[in-house]
Amino acid sequence: MENTNDFQQNDMFDVSQALKEGWTVEYDNCQGARIRGIAYSDLQAWWHVAKEVERGSEYHQLALLELSDKERFALELNCGPISTPNI
C-alpha cells in the first residue's frame, strides 16, 4: 500500500490520507473511535497503522491519539506495544 505521508504537523487529523491507504477512523458516540479497514480487514489496517507509527509517521501517531482506550488496547494486544511520542 502506497504511503502518501504529506501530513503537516499543524493540520488537524482528517481521514483523507487514511482513505487513500485503505482504512479509516470510525467514530461511535458509545464506544469511541476505532480503526476500520476498507480495502482490507480491520486487523490488517491495525498492522498498517502500527507499522507506520513505528516508522515515525506523525499522521499515523495522530490516528492512534483518536482511538478509544479499548481500541488502543486491542490494537496493542494484537500488534504489540505502540508508543506515541508527543507531537
Protein backbone atom coordinates (compact mmCIF):
# COMPACT_ATOMS: atom_id res chain seq x y z
CA MET A 1 0.00 0.00 0.00
CA GLU A 2 1.46 3.34 -1.02
CA ASN A 3 2.21 5.75 1.80
CA THR A 4 1.49 9.31 0.75
CA ASN A 5 2.61 10.88 4.00
CA ASP A 6 2.02 14.52 3.14
CA PHE A 7 0.86 15.34 6.68
CA GLN A 8 1.77 18.73 8.11
CA GLN A 9 2.11 18.96 11.89
CA ASN A 10 -0.20 21.98 12.12
CA ASP A 11 -3.04 20.09 10.40
CA MET A 12 -5.84 18.53 12.41
CA PHE A 13 -6.40 14.82 11.87
CA ASP A 14 -8.61 14.02 8.92
CA VAL A 15 -9.21 10.71 7.22
CA SER A 16 -8.36 11.71 3.65
CA GLN A 17 -4.90 10.08 3.74
CA ALA A 18 -6.27 7.07 5.60
CA LEU A 19 -8.90 6.54 2.93
CA LYS A 20 -6.18 6.60 0.25
CA GLU A 21 -4.37 3.90 2.25
CA GLY A 22 -7.49 1.73 2.61
CA TRP A 23 -8.52 2.39 6.22
CA THR A 24 -10.40 4.93 8.29
CA VAL A 25 -11.13 6.00 11.84
CA GLU A 26 -14.75 5.25 12.67
CA TYR A 27 -16.33 7.39 15.37
CA ASP A 28 -19.04 5.89 17.61
CA ASN A 29 -20.51 8.01 20.39
CA CYS A 30 -21.00 4.98 22.65
CA GLN A 31 -17.73 3.09 22.07
CA GLY A 32 -15.31 5.78 20.91
CA ALA A 33 -13.11 5.83 17.83
CA ARG A 34 -11.64 2.74 16.22
CA ILE A 35 -9.61 1.85 13.15
CA ARG A 36 -11.56 0.13 10.39
CA GLY A 37 -10.19 -1.45 7.25
CA ILE A 38 -11.84 -0.51 3.97
CA ALA A 39 -9.60 -2.17 1.38
CA TYR A 40 -8.67 -4.98 3.79
CA SER A 41 -9.56 -6.37 7.23
CA ASP A 42 -9.56 -4.34 10.43
CA LEU A 43 -6.60 -6.36 11.70
CA GLN A 44 -4.62 -5.60 8.54
CA ALA A 45 -5.49 -1.91 8.99
CA TRP A 46 -4.20 -2.08 12.57
CA TRP A 47 -0.95 -3.65 11.37
CA HIS A 48 -0.57 -0.97 8.70
CA VAL A 49 -1.05 1.86 11.21
CA ALA A 50 1.25 0.20 13.76
CA LYS A 51 3.97 -0.25 11.13
CA GLU A 52 3.73 3.39 10.06
CA VAL A 53 3.86 4.58 13.69
CA GLU A 54 7.00 2.51 14.17
CA ARG A 55 8.48 4.28 11.11
CA GLY A 56 7.74 7.63 12.77
CA SER A 57 4.71 8.81 10.79
CA GLU A 58 3.12 11.74 12.62
CA TYR A 59 -0.13 11.21 10.71
CA HIS A 60 -0.48 7.65 11.99
CA GLN A 61 0.52 8.72 15.50
CA LEU A 62 -2.34 11.22 15.43
CA ALA A 63 -4.69 8.44 14.32
CA LEU A 64 -3.73 6.50 17.46
CA LEU A 65 -4.49 9.51 19.61
CA GLU A 66 -8.05 9.45 18.24
CA LEU A 67 -8.71 5.90 19.43
CA SER A 68 -10.70 4.86 22.45
CA ASP A 69 -8.73 3.17 25.23
CA LYS A 70 -10.47 -0.11 24.41
CA GLU A 71 -9.46 0.07 20.74
CA ARG A 72 -5.90 1.07 21.60
CA PHE A 73 -5.66 -1.90 24.00
CA ALA A 74 -6.97 -4.31 21.33
CA LEU A 75 -4.52 -2.93 18.76
CA GLU A 76 -1.56 -3.31 21.13
CA LEU A 77 -2.71 -6.79 22.15
CA ASN A 78 -2.63 -7.89 18.51
CA CYS A 79 0.24 -5.77 17.14
CA GLY A 80 2.45 -5.23 20.18
CA PRO A 81 3.18 -2.12 22.25
CA ILE A 82 2.98 1.11 20.31
CA SER A 83 4.44 4.28 21.71
CA THR A 84 3.04 7.62 20.67
CA PRO A 85 5.57 10.40 21.27
CA ASN A 86 4.41 13.92 21.99
CA ILE A 87 3.91 15.51 18.59
